[in-house]
Amino acid sequence: MKLREPMPELTGATEWLNGEVTRDELVGEKPTLIHFWSISCHLCKEAMPQVNQFRDNYKDKLNVVAIHMPRSEDDLNIDEIKQVAAEHGITQPIFVDSEHKLTEVFENQYVPAYYVFDRDGKLRHFQAGGSGMKMLEKRVNRVLDELEKTE
């Protein structure tokens, strides 16, 4: 996905956990952080407390959606996905992408991976890997600052 491209429709989920959201519900009012993770990804689990803190700190200003992207057959066990999500405090909606439908639309190859969309649903920032939460926070704050200036 390229910068400034619109957020794709969130379709093709094998299942949704913690509630389902649509693109239309996410676009319009506030920016959105979409993060890809996998139960077999050590870096994802390491980064999750920071993602959760982020979600909680910005809960009134930012939508957060998790996409579970399986990396192997072992990652397809829905009970294990639920268990790992619970263990790591993932309370935001989780799109279970067992068929890689959304992964392909995003052209995403990495976990963890983070996509920041502005309130109009345009991609403003992408990053992959476990480090770099400071950069992610900077980018989210930039999008939030722009939002405040336009209100």
N, C-alpha and C. Protein backbone atom coordinates (compact mmCIF):
# COMPACT_ATOMS: atom_id res chain seq x y z
N MET A 1 0.83 -1.19 0.00
CA MET A 1 0.00 0.00 0.00
C MET A 1 0.87 1.25 0.00
N LYS A 2 0.47 2.22 -0.77
CA LYS A 2 1.25 3.46 -0.85
C LYS A 2 0.62 4.55 0.03
N LEU A 3 1.45 5.48 0.45
CA LEU A 3 0.96 6.61 1.24
C LEU A 3 -0.14 7.34 0.48
N ARG A 4 -1.08 7.87 1.22
CA ARG A 4 -2.24 8.61 0.70
C ARG A 4 -3.29 7.72 0.04
N GLU A 5 -3.05 6.42 -0.07
CA GLU A 5 -4.08 5.52 -0.61
C GLU A 5 -5.20 5.39 0.41
N PRO A 6 -6.45 5.21 -0.06
CA PRO A 6 -7.56 5.07 0.89
C PRO A 6 -7.54 3.73 1.62
N MET A 7 -8.08 3.74 2.82
CA MET A 7 -8.20 2.51 3.60
C MET A 7 -9.08 1.53 2.83
N PRO A 8 -8.62 0.29 2.71
CA PRO A 8 -9.47 -0.71 2.03
C PRO A 8 -10.67 -1.11 2.89
N GLU A 9 -11.66 -1.69 2.24
CA GLU A 9 -12.78 -2.27 2.99
C GLU A 9 -12.26 -3.42 3.83
N LEU A 10 -12.78 -3.57 5.03
CA LEU A 10 -12.34 -4.64 5.91
C LEU A 10 -13.22 -5.87 5.70
N THR A 11 -12.97 -6.53 4.58
CA THR A 11 -13.80 -7.69 4.22
C THR A 11 -12.91 -8.93 4.07
N GLY A 12 -13.54 -10.09 4.19
CA GLY A 12 -12.83 -11.34 4.00
C GLY A 12 -12.37 -12.01 5.29
N ALA A 13 -12.83 -11.48 6.42
CA ALA A 13 -12.42 -12.07 7.70
C ALA A 13 -12.97 -13.48 7.83
N THR A 14 -12.15 -14.37 8.36
CA THR A 14 -12.61 -15.71 8.71
C THR A 14 -13.55 -15.58 9.89
N GLU A 15 -13.20 -14.64 10.76
CA GLU A 15 -13.97 -14.39 11.98
C GLU A 15 -13.53 -13.04 12.54
N TRP A 16 -14.40 -12.40 13.29
CA TRP A 16 -14.06 -11.19 14.05
C TRP A 16 -14.09 -11.55 15.52
N LEU A 17 -13.14 -11.04 16.28
CA LEU A 17 -13.15 -11.20 17.74
C LEU A 17 -13.28 -9.80 18.34
N ASN A 18 -13.91 -9.68 19.49
CA ASN A 18 -14.10 -8.39 20.18
C ASN A 18 -14.95 -7.40 19.38
N GLY A 19 -15.84 -7.88 18.55
CA GLY A 19 -16.70 -6.99 17.79
C GLY A 19 -16.17 -6.75 16.39
N GLU A 20 -17.06 -6.40 15.51
CA GLU A 20 -16.72 -6.19 14.10
C GLU A 20 -16.84 -4.71 13.76
N VAL A 21 -15.93 -4.22 12.92
CA VAL A 21 -16.02 -2.83 12.46
C VAL A 21 -15.93 -2.80 10.94
N THR A 22 -16.51 -1.76 10.37
CA THR A 22 -16.43 -1.59 8.91
C THR A 22 -15.59 -0.36 8.61
N ARG A 23 -15.15 -0.27 7.40
CA ARG A 23 -14.38 0.90 6.95
C ARG A 23 -15.20 2.17 7.19
N ASP A 24 -16.49 2.12 6.87
CA ASP A 24 -17.34 3.30 7.03
C ASP A 24 -17.43 3.76 8.49
N GLU A 25 -17.37 2.80 9.43
CA GLU A 25 -17.40 3.17 10.84
C GLU A 25 -16.10 3.82 11.29
N LEU A 26 -15.00 3.48 10.63
CA LEU A 26 -13.69 3.98 11.04
C LEU A 26 -13.34 5.34 10.42
N VAL A 27 -13.81 5.56 9.19
CA VAL A 27 -13.44 6.77 8.47
C VAL A 27 -14.42 7.90 8.79
N GLY A 28 -13.89 9.10 8.96
CA GLY A 28 -14.77 10.25 9.12
C GLY A 28 -14.55 11.02 10.40
N GLU A 29 -14.52 10.32 11.53
CA GLU A 29 -14.42 11.05 12.80
C GLU A 29 -13.02 11.15 13.35
N LYS A 30 -12.29 10.04 13.34
CA LYS A 30 -10.95 10.08 13.92
C LYS A 30 -10.00 9.16 13.14
N PRO A 31 -8.69 9.39 13.32
CA PRO A 31 -7.71 8.54 12.64
C PRO A 31 -7.80 7.09 13.13
N THR A 32 -7.17 6.19 12.39
CA THR A 32 -7.21 4.77 12.70
C THR A 32 -5.81 4.17 12.63
N LEU A 33 -5.50 3.36 13.61
CA LEU A 33 -4.27 2.55 13.59
C LEU A 33 -4.69 1.11 13.36
N ILE A 34 -4.17 0.52 12.29
CA ILE A 34 -4.43 -0.89 12.01
C ILE A 34 -3.10 -1.62 12.19
N HIS A 35 -3.09 -2.62 13.07
CA HIS A 35 -1.84 -3.35 13.26
C HIS A 35 -2.01 -4.84 12.97
N PHE A 36 -1.05 -5.36 12.23
CA PHE A 36 -1.00 -6.78 11.88
C PHE A 36 -0.14 -7.49 12.93
N TRP A 37 -0.60 -8.65 13.36
CA TRP A 37 0.15 -9.45 14.33
C TRP A 37 -0.15 -10.92 14.08
N SER A 38 0.61 -11.78 14.75
CA SER A 38 0.39 -13.21 14.62
C SER A 38 0.73 -13.89 15.94
N ILE A 39 0.02 -14.97 16.25
CA ILE A 39 0.28 -15.65 17.53
C ILE A 39 1.66 -16.29 17.56
N SER A 40 2.27 -16.54 16.40
CA SER A 40 3.61 -17.16 16.37
C SER A 40 4.71 -16.10 16.31
N CYS A 41 4.35 -14.83 16.39
CA CYS A 41 5.32 -13.74 16.24
C CYS A 41 5.77 -13.24 17.61
N HIS A 42 7.02 -13.51 17.93
CA HIS A 42 7.58 -13.10 19.22
C HIS A 42 7.62 -11.57 19.34
N LEU A 43 8.04 -10.89 18.27
CA LEU A 43 8.11 -9.43 18.28
C LEU A 43 6.73 -8.80 18.51
N CYS A 44 5.70 -9.43 17.93
CA CYS A 44 4.33 -8.92 18.10
C CYS A 44 3.95 -8.93 19.57
N LYS A 45 4.25 -10.04 20.24
CA LYS A 45 3.90 -10.17 21.64
C LYS A 45 4.68 -9.17 22.49
N GLU A 46 5.95 -8.96 22.12
CA GLU A 46 6.77 -7.98 22.85
C GLU A 46 6.22 -6.57 22.70
N ALA A 47 5.72 -6.25 21.51
CA ALA A 47 5.23 -4.89 21.23
C ALA A 47 3.81 -4.67 21.74
N MET A 48 3.07 -5.74 22.02
CA MET A 48 1.66 -5.61 22.35
C MET A 48 1.38 -4.70 23.56
N PRO A 49 2.17 -4.76 24.65
CA PRO A 49 1.88 -3.84 25.75
C PRO A 49 1.93 -2.37 25.31
N GLN A 50 2.86 -2.06 24.41
CA GLN A 50 2.96 -0.68 23.92
C GLN A 50 1.77 -0.34 23.04
N VAL A 51 1.34 -1.28 22.20
CA VAL A 51 0.17 -1.05 21.35
C VAL A 51 -1.06 -0.84 22.23
N ASN A 52 -1.19 -1.66 23.27
CA ASN A 52 -2.35 -1.54 24.18
C ASN A 52 -2.33 -0.21 24.93
N GLN A 53 -1.15 0.19 25.36
CA GLN A 53 -1.02 1.46 26.06
C GLN A 53 -1.40 2.61 25.13
N PHE A 54 -0.96 2.50 23.91
CA PHE A 54 -1.28 3.45 22.86
C PHE A 54 -2.79 3.55 22.67
N ARG A 55 -3.41 2.37 22.55
CA ARG A 55 -4.88 2.29 22.38
C ARG A 55 -5.58 2.97 23.54
N ASP A 56 -5.12 2.70 24.76
CA ASP A 56 -5.77 3.25 25.94
C ASP A 56 -5.52 4.76 26.07
N ASN A 57 -4.29 5.19 25.80
CA ASN A 57 -3.95 6.62 25.91
C ASN A 57 -4.73 7.47 24.91
N TYR A 58 -5.01 6.91 23.74
CA TYR A 58 -5.64 7.67 22.67
C TYR A 58 -7.07 7.22 22.40
N LYS A 59 -7.69 6.55 23.39
CA LYS A 59 -8.98 5.90 23.11
C LYS A 59 -10.06 6.85 22.59
N ASP A 60 -10.00 8.13 22.98
CA ASP A 60 -11.02 9.07 22.51
C ASP A 60 -10.66 9.70 21.16
N LYS A 61 -9.43 9.52 20.73
CA LYS A 61 -8.96 10.21 19.53
C LYS A 61 -8.60 9.29 18.38
N LEU A 62 -8.52 7.98 18.65
CA LEU A 62 -7.96 7.06 17.67
C LEU A 62 -8.71 5.74 17.66
N ASN A 63 -9.03 5.25 16.47
CA ASN A 63 -9.57 3.89 16.33
C ASN A 63 -8.38 2.94 16.26
N VAL A 64 -8.50 1.78 16.87
CA VAL A 64 -7.44 0.77 16.78
C VAL A 64 -8.08 -0.56 16.39
N VAL A 65 -7.51 -1.19 15.35
CA VAL A 65 -8.00 -2.48 14.88
C VAL A 65 -6.80 -3.41 14.72
N ALA A 66 -6.95 -4.64 15.19
CA ALA A 66 -5.90 -5.65 15.04
C ALA A 66 -6.27 -6.59 13.90
N ILE A 67 -5.27 -6.96 13.12
CA ILE A 67 -5.46 -7.95 12.06
C ILE A 67 -4.57 -9.14 12.39
N HIS A 68 -5.17 -10.32 12.62
CA HIS A 68 -4.35 -11.50 12.86
C HIS A 68 -3.99 -12.14 11.53
N MET A 69 -2.70 -12.12 11.23
CA MET A 69 -2.18 -12.65 9.96
C MET A 69 -1.40 -13.94 10.24
N PRO A 70 -1.97 -15.09 9.90
CA PRO A 70 -1.27 -16.35 10.19
C PRO A 70 -0.01 -16.49 9.33
N ARG A 71 1.03 -17.05 9.94
CA ARG A 71 2.28 -17.28 9.21
C ARG A 71 2.49 -18.75 8.90
N SER A 72 1.68 -19.62 9.52
CA SER A 72 1.80 -21.05 9.27
C SER A 72 0.47 -21.71 9.64
N GLU A 73 0.37 -23.00 9.37
CA GLU A 73 -0.84 -23.75 9.71
C GLU A 73 -1.16 -23.64 11.21
N ASP A 74 -0.11 -23.60 12.03
CA ASP A 74 -0.30 -23.54 13.48
C ASP A 74 -1.01 -22.27 13.91
N ASP A 75 -0.92 -21.22 13.09
CA ASP A 75 -1.54 -19.94 13.43
C ASP A 75 -3.03 -19.88 13.11
N LEU A 76 -3.59 -20.95 12.60
CA LEU A 76 -5.00 -20.95 12.18
C LEU A 76 -5.96 -21.37 13.29
N ASN A 77 -5.45 -21.80 14.42
CA ASN A 77 -6.28 -22.30 15.51
C ASN A 77 -6.99 -21.12 16.20
N ILE A 78 -8.29 -20.99 15.97
CA ILE A 78 -9.04 -19.84 16.47
C ILE A 78 -9.05 -19.80 18.00
N ASP A 79 -9.07 -20.96 18.65
CA ASP A 79 -9.04 -20.98 20.11
C ASP A 79 -7.72 -20.43 20.64
N GLU A 80 -6.64 -20.77 19.96
CA GLU A 80 -5.33 -20.26 20.37
C GLU A 80 -5.23 -18.75 20.11
N ILE A 81 -5.80 -18.29 19.01
CA ILE A 81 -5.81 -16.85 18.72
C ILE A 81 -6.55 -16.12 19.85
N LYS A 82 -7.71 -16.66 20.23
CA LYS A 82 -8.49 -16.06 21.33
C LYS A 82 -7.70 -16.05 22.63
N GLN A 83 -7.02 -17.16 22.90
CA GLN A 83 -6.26 -17.29 24.14
C GLN A 83 -5.10 -16.29 24.18
N VAL A 84 -4.33 -16.21 23.08
CA VAL A 84 -3.18 -15.29 23.03
C VAL A 84 -3.67 -13.84 23.10
N ALA A 85 -4.78 -13.55 22.43
CA ALA A 85 -5.35 -12.20 22.47
C ALA A 85 -5.71 -11.84 23.91
N ALA A 86 -6.32 -12.78 24.62
CA ALA A 86 -6.70 -12.53 26.02
C ALA A 86 -5.46 -12.36 26.90
N GLU A 87 -4.47 -13.22 26.70
CA GLU A 87 -3.23 -13.15 27.50
C GLU A 87 -2.52 -11.81 27.31
N HIS A 88 -2.62 -11.27 26.12
CA HIS A 88 -1.88 -10.04 25.80
C HIS A 88 -2.77 -8.79 25.81
N GLY A 89 -3.98 -8.94 26.34
CA GLY A 89 -4.84 -7.78 26.55
C GLY A 89 -5.34 -7.10 25.29
N ILE A 90 -5.51 -7.88 24.23
CA ILE A 90 -6.00 -7.28 22.98
C ILE A 90 -7.52 -7.20 23.06
N THR A 91 -8.02 -6.01 23.37
CA THR A 91 -9.47 -5.84 23.53
C THR A 91 -10.10 -5.15 22.32
N GLN A 92 -9.26 -4.58 21.45
CA GLN A 92 -9.79 -3.94 20.24
C GLN A 92 -10.30 -5.02 19.27
N PRO A 93 -11.13 -4.63 18.31
CA PRO A 93 -11.61 -5.61 17.33
C PRO A 93 -10.44 -6.30 16.63
N ILE A 94 -10.57 -7.62 16.47
CA ILE A 94 -9.53 -8.41 15.78
C ILE A 94 -10.15 -9.05 14.54
N PHE A 95 -9.60 -8.70 13.41
CA PHE A 95 -9.97 -9.28 12.12
C PHE A 95 -9.09 -10.51 11.95
N VAL A 96 -9.69 -11.70 11.94
CA VAL A 96 -8.91 -12.93 11.77
C VAL A 96 -8.81 -13.21 10.27
N ASP A 97 -7.59 -13.05 9.75
CA ASP A 97 -7.36 -13.11 8.30
C ASP A 97 -6.72 -14.43 7.88
N SER A 98 -7.39 -15.53 8.21
CA SER A 98 -6.80 -16.85 7.97
C SER A 98 -6.59 -17.16 6.49
N GLU A 99 -7.31 -16.48 5.61
CA GLU A 99 -7.13 -16.71 4.16
C GLU A 99 -6.30 -15.62 3.50
N HIS A 100 -5.72 -14.74 4.32
CA HIS A 100 -4.85 -13.65 3.83
C HIS A 100 -5.54 -12.70 2.85
N LYS A 101 -6.86 -12.61 2.94
CA LYS A 101 -7.57 -11.71 2.01
C LYS A 101 -7.23 -10.25 2.26
N LEU A 102 -7.26 -9.82 3.51
CA LEU A 102 -6.95 -8.43 3.82
C LEU A 102 -5.43 -8.19 3.73
N THR A 103 -4.67 -9.18 4.11
CA THR A 103 -3.21 -9.10 4.00
C THR A 103 -2.82 -8.78 2.56
N GLU A 104 -3.47 -9.44 1.60
CA GLU A 104 -3.17 -9.20 0.18
C GLU A 104 -3.61 -7.80 -0.25
N VAL A 105 -4.77 -7.35 0.21
CA VAL A 105 -5.24 -6.02 -0.15
C VAL A 105 -4.26 -4.95 0.36
N PHE A 106 -3.76 -5.15 1.56
CA PHE A 106 -2.79 -4.22 2.14
C PHE A 106 -1.38 -4.41 1.54
N GLU A 107 -1.20 -5.53 0.82
CA GLU A 107 0.13 -5.89 0.30
C GLU A 107 1.12 -5.99 1.46
N ASN A 108 0.64 -6.50 2.59
CA ASN A 108 1.47 -6.59 3.78
C ASN A 108 2.23 -7.91 3.83
N GLN A 109 3.52 -7.83 4.18
CA GLN A 109 4.34 -9.04 4.27
C GLN A 109 4.92 -9.23 5.66
N TYR A 110 4.59 -8.35 6.59
CA TYR A 110 5.29 -8.35 7.87
C TYR A 110 4.34 -8.41 9.06
N VAL A 111 4.84 -9.01 10.15
CA VAL A 111 4.24 -8.86 11.46
C VAL A 111 5.39 -8.59 12.43
N PRO A 112 5.25 -7.68 13.35
CA PRO A 112 4.16 -6.72 13.40
C PRO A 112 4.30 -5.67 12.30
N ALA A 113 3.16 -5.13 11.89
CA ALA A 113 3.14 -4.04 10.92
C ALA A 113 2.05 -3.07 11.34
N TYR A 114 2.31 -1.79 11.12
CA TYR A 114 1.41 -0.75 11.60
C TYR A 114 1.06 0.21 10.46
N TYR A 115 -0.23 0.47 10.32
CA TYR A 115 -0.72 1.40 9.29
C TYR A 115 -1.52 2.49 9.99
N VAL A 116 -1.13 3.74 9.77
CA VAL A 116 -1.85 4.87 10.36
C VAL A 116 -2.62 5.58 9.26
N PHE A 117 -3.94 5.67 9.43
CA PHE A 117 -4.80 6.36 8.47
C PHE A 117 -5.33 7.64 9.12
N ASP A 118 -5.43 8.72 8.35
CA ASP A 118 -6.03 9.94 8.90
C ASP A 118 -7.54 9.77 8.95
N ARG A 119 -8.23 10.78 9.46
CA ARG A 119 -9.67 10.59 9.66
C ARG A 119 -10.43 10.46 8.34
N ASP A 120 -9.81 10.90 7.24
CA ASP A 120 -10.43 10.73 5.92
C ASP A 120 -10.13 9.35 5.32
N GLY A 121 -9.40 8.53 6.09
CA GLY A 121 -9.12 7.17 5.62
C GLY A 121 -7.95 7.06 4.67
N LYS A 122 -7.08 8.07 4.63
CA LYS A 122 -5.90 8.02 3.76
C LYS A 122 -4.70 7.52 4.55
N LEU A 123 -3.92 6.62 3.95
CA LEU A 123 -2.74 6.08 4.63
C LEU A 123 -1.69 7.17 4.79
N ARG A 124 -1.28 7.39 6.03
CA ARG A 124 -0.30 8.44 6.32
C ARG A 124 1.04 7.90 6.78
N HIS A 125 1.05 6.68 7.31
CA HIS A 125 2.30 6.13 7.82
C HIS A 125 2.23 4.61 7.82
N PHE A 126 3.35 3.98 7.48
CA PHE A 126 3.47 2.53 7.57
C PHE A 126 4.80 2.21 8.21
N GLN A 127 4.80 1.23 9.08
CA GLN A 127 6.08 0.72 9.57
C GLN A 127 5.92 -0.73 9.97
N ALA A 128 7.04 -1.45 9.89
CA ALA A 128 7.05 -2.87 10.23
C ALA A 128 8.17 -3.14 11.21
N GLY A 129 8.00 -4.17 11.99
CA GLY A 129 9.03 -4.56 12.95
C GLY A 129 8.65 -4.19 14.36
N GLY A 130 9.41 -4.72 15.30
CA GLY A 130 9.07 -4.57 16.71
C GLY A 130 9.50 -3.26 17.32
N SER A 131 10.56 -2.66 16.80
CA SER A 131 11.02 -1.41 17.39
C SER A 131 10.37 -0.25 16.66
N GLY A 132 10.53 0.91 17.21
CA GLY A 132 10.01 2.07 16.50
C GLY A 132 8.67 2.57 16.98
N MET A 133 8.29 2.22 18.21
CA MET A 133 7.03 2.73 18.76
C MET A 133 7.05 4.25 18.89
N LYS A 134 8.24 4.79 19.16
CA LYS A 134 8.36 6.25 19.27
C LYS A 134 8.02 6.91 17.94
N MET A 135 8.51 6.33 16.85
CA MET A 135 8.20 6.85 15.52
C MET A 135 6.70 6.73 15.25
N LEU A 136 6.13 5.61 15.60
CA LEU A 136 4.69 5.40 15.40
C LEU A 136 3.90 6.46 16.17
N GLU A 137 4.30 6.69 17.42
CA GLU A 137 3.61 7.68 18.24
C GLU A 137 3.73 9.08 17.63
N LYS A 138 4.91 9.38 17.12
CA LYS A 138 5.14 10.68 16.48
C LYS A 138 4.19 10.86 15.29
N ARG A 139 4.08 9.82 14.48
CA ARG A 139 3.22 9.89 13.29
C ARG A 139 1.75 10.01 13.67
N VAL A 140 1.34 9.26 14.67
CA VAL A 140 -0.06 9.35 15.12
C VAL A 140 -0.33 10.76 15.65
N ASN A 141 0.61 11.28 16.43
CA ASN A 141 0.43 12.63 16.98
C ASN A 141 0.37 13.68 15.87
N ARG A 142 1.14 13.49 14.82
CA ARG A 142 1.10 14.43 13.71
C ARG A 142 -0.29 14.44 13.07
N VAL A 143 -0.85 13.26 12.86
CA VAL A 143 -2.19 13.16 12.27
C VAL A 143 -3.23 13.76 13.23
N LEU A 144 -3.06 13.53 14.53
CA LEU A 144 -4.00 14.08 15.51
C LEU A 144 -3.88 15.62 15.57
N ASP A 145 -2.66 16.12 15.49
CA ASP A 145 -2.45 17.58 15.51
C ASP A 145 -3.13 18.24 14.31
N GLU A 146 -3.01 17.60 13.16
CA GLU A 146 -3.67 18.12 11.95
C GLU A 146 -5.17 18.18 12.16
N LEU A 147 -5.69 17.15 12.79
CA LEU A 147 -7.12 17.06 13.06
C LEU A 147 -7.57 18.24 13.92
N GLU A 148 -6.81 18.53 14.98
CA GLU A 148 -7.18 19.62 15.89
C GLU A 148 -7.12 20.97 15.18
N LYS A 149 -6.19 21.12 14.24
CA LYS A 149 -6.07 22.40 13.53
C LYS A 149 -7.24 22.65 12.60
N THR A 150 -7.86 21.55 12.12
CA THR A 150 -8.96 21.72 11.17
C THR A 150 -10.31 21.85 11.86
N GLU A 151 -10.34 21.60 13.16
CA GLU A 151 -11.64 21.67 13.86
C GLU A 151 -12.00 23.08 14.23
